[in-house]
């Protein structure tokens, strides 16, 4: 996987948290902390998208699909495309 160097600025509280996390031995450096935070953020976004998808198809196995079901599914797909 290719990497790209980025420069970020954090407010004092977040910078302190990163430093404490590294000093506590949980991560080797600040980059590892940021990468883990981004992975967790991405996972949370994916989980939210899956919840939205599940909501669009809620009850689909127990009854016939209604026009409202189709509209909810289309809205969920459109919302996903806007990201």
C-alpha atoms as a PDB file:
ATOM      1  CA  UNK A   1       0.000   0.000   0.000  1.00  0.00           C
ATOM      2  CA  UNK A   2       1.394   3.375  -1.025  1.00  0.00           C
ATOM      3  CA  UNK A   3       1.695   6.004   1.660  1.00  0.00           C
ATOM      4  CA  UNK A   4       1.520   9.757   1.459  1.00  0.00           C
ATOM      5  CA  UNK A   5       3.025  12.121   3.978  1.00  0.00           C
ATOM      6  CA  UNK A   6       0.575  14.660   5.357  1.00  0.00           C
ATOM      7  CA  UNK A   7       0.998  17.458   7.840  1.00  0.00           C
ATOM      8  CA  UNK A   8      -1.839  17.939  10.314  1.00  0.00           C
ATOM      9  CA  UNK A   9      -2.483  20.405  13.103  1.00  0.00           C
ATOM     10  CA  UNK A  10      -4.288  19.321  16.263  1.00  0.00           C
ATOM     11  CA  UNK A  11      -5.665  21.406  19.100  1.00  0.00           C
ATOM     12  CA  UNK A  12      -3.884  21.055  22.430  1.00  0.00           C
ATOM     13  CA  UNK A  13      -6.303  18.554  23.942  1.00  0.00           C
ATOM     14  CA  UNK A  14      -6.048  16.159  20.988  1.00  0.00           C
ATOM     15  CA  UNK A  15      -2.308  16.641  20.691  1.00  0.00           C
ATOM     16  CA  UNK A  16      -1.972  15.816  24.384  1.00  0.00           C
ATOM     17  CA  UNK A  17      -4.121  12.715  23.971  1.00  0.00           C
ATOM     18  CA  UNK A  18      -1.949  11.502  21.100  1.00  0.00           C
ATOM     19  CA  UNK A  19       1.202  12.096  23.156  1.00  0.00           C
ATOM     20  CA  UNK A  20      -0.233  10.295  26.210  1.00  0.00           C
ATOM     21  CA  UNK A  21      -1.311   7.358  24.054  1.00  0.00           C
ATOM     22  CA  UNK A  22       2.156   7.036  22.531  1.00  0.00           C
ATOM     23  CA  UNK A  23       3.917   7.534  25.889  1.00  0.00           C
ATOM     24  CA  UNK A  24       1.663   4.885  27.411  1.00  0.00           C
ATOM     25  CA  UNK A  25       3.083   2.362  24.964  1.00  0.00           C
ATOM     26  CA  UNK A  26      -0.128   1.568  23.156  1.00  0.00           C
ATOM     27  CA  UNK A  27       1.249   2.918  19.864  1.00  0.00           C
ATOM     28  CA  UNK A  28       4.803   3.466  18.644  1.00  0.00           C
ATOM     29  CA  UNK A  29       4.256   6.970  17.268  1.00  0.00           C
ATOM     30  CA  UNK A  30       1.672   9.651  16.510  1.00  0.00           C
ATOM     31  CA  UNK A  31       1.170   8.349  12.971  1.00  0.00           C
ATOM     32  CA  UNK A  32      -0.065   5.017  14.326  1.00  0.00           C
ATOM     33  CA  UNK A  33      -2.562   6.814  16.567  1.00  0.00           C
ATOM     34  CA  UNK A  34      -3.932   8.862  13.662  1.00  0.00           C
ATOM     35  CA  UNK A  35      -4.108   5.824  11.345  1.00  0.00           C
ATOM     36  CA  UNK A  36      -6.047   3.853  13.970  1.00  0.00           C
ATOM     37  CA  UNK A  37      -8.422   6.772  14.550  1.00  0.00           C
ATOM     38  CA  UNK A  38      -9.088   7.020  10.812  1.00  0.00           C
ATOM     39  CA  UNK A  39      -9.660   3.268  10.517  1.00  0.00           C
ATOM     40  CA  UNK A  40     -12.193   3.450  13.352  1.00  0.00           C
ATOM     41  CA  UNK A  41     -13.902   6.448  11.766  1.00  0.00           C
ATOM     42  CA  UNK A  42     -14.114   4.612   8.448  1.00  0.00           C
ATOM     43  CA  UNK A  43     -15.543   1.524  10.188  1.00  0.00           C
ATOM     44  CA  UNK A  44     -18.161   3.661  11.955  1.00  0.00           C
ATOM     45  CA  UNK A  45     -19.141   5.262   8.641  1.00  0.00           C
ATOM     46  CA  UNK A  46     -19.483   1.836   7.038  1.00  0.00           C
ATOM     47  CA  UNK A  47     -21.574   0.582   9.963  1.00  0.00           C
ATOM     48  CA  UNK A  48     -23.883   3.594   9.593  1.00  0.00           C
ATOM     49  CA  UNK A  49     -24.243   2.902   5.867  1.00  0.00           C
ATOM     50  CA  UNK A  50     -25.068  -0.744   6.577  1.00  0.00           C
ATOM     51  CA  UNK A  51     -27.666   0.308   9.157  1.00  0.00           C
ATOM     52  CA  UNK A  52     -29.200   2.619   6.567  1.00  0.00           C
ATOM     53  CA  UNK A  53     -29.221  -0.218   4.043  1.00  0.00           C
ATOM     54  CA  UNK A  54     -30.794  -2.603   6.581  1.00  0.00           C
ATOM     55  CA  UNK A  55     -33.468  -0.020   7.371  1.00  0.00           C
ATOM     56  CA  UNK A  56     -34.264   0.308   3.685  1.00  0.00           C
ATOM     57  CA  UNK A  57     -34.909  -3.433   3.483  1.00  0.00           C
ATOM     58  CA  UNK A  58     -36.457  -3.938   6.935  1.00  0.00           C
ATOM     59  CA  UNK A  59     -39.036  -6.672   6.985  1.00  0.00           C
ATOM     60  CA  UNK A  60     -38.394  -7.679   3.397  1.00  0.00           C
ATOM     61  CA  UNK A  61     -38.392 -11.385   4.162  1.00  0.00           C
ATOM     62  CA  UNK A  62     -41.708 -11.389   5.962  1.00  0.00           C
ATOM     63  CA  UNK A  63     -43.950  -9.600   3.458  1.00  0.00           C
ATOM     64  CA  UNK A  64     -44.224  -8.387  -0.097  1.00  0.00           C
ATOM     65  CA  UNK A  65     -42.295  -5.258  -1.062  1.00  0.00           C
ATOM     66  CA  UNK A  66     -44.368  -2.074  -0.976  1.00  0.00           C
ATOM     67  CA  UNK A  67     -43.953   1.221  -2.808  1.00  0.00           C
ATOM     68  CA  UNK A  68     -42.804   2.756   0.485  1.00  0.00           C
ATOM     69  CA  UNK A  69     -40.072   0.094   0.763  1.00  0.00           C
ATOM     70  CA  UNK A  70     -38.838   0.934  -2.725  1.00  0.00           C
ATOM     71  CA  UNK A  71     -38.786   4.652  -1.964  1.00  0.00           C
ATOM     72  CA  UNK A  72     -36.821   4.093   1.275  1.00  0.00           C
ATOM     73  CA  UNK A  73     -34.326   1.923  -0.584  1.00  0.00           C
ATOM     74  CA  UNK A  74     -33.898   4.521  -3.329  1.00  0.00           C
ATOM     75  CA  UNK A  75     -33.421   7.256  -0.723  1.00  0.00           C
ATOM     76  CA  UNK A  76     -30.763   5.179   1.044  1.00  0.00           C
ATOM     77  CA  UNK A  77     -28.905   4.598  -2.215  1.00  0.00           C
ATOM     78  CA  UNK A  78     -29.082   8.308  -3.110  1.00  0.00           C
ATOM     79  CA  UNK A  79     -27.840   9.289   0.366  1.00  0.00           C
ATOM     80  CA  UNK A  80     -24.891   6.932  -0.071  1.00  0.00           C
ATOM     81  CA  UNK A  81     -24.000   8.456  -3.423  1.00  0.00           C
ATOM     82  CA  UNK A  82     -23.877  11.963  -1.969  1.00  0.00           C
ATOM     83  CA  UNK A  83     -20.966  11.040   0.339  1.00  0.00           C
END
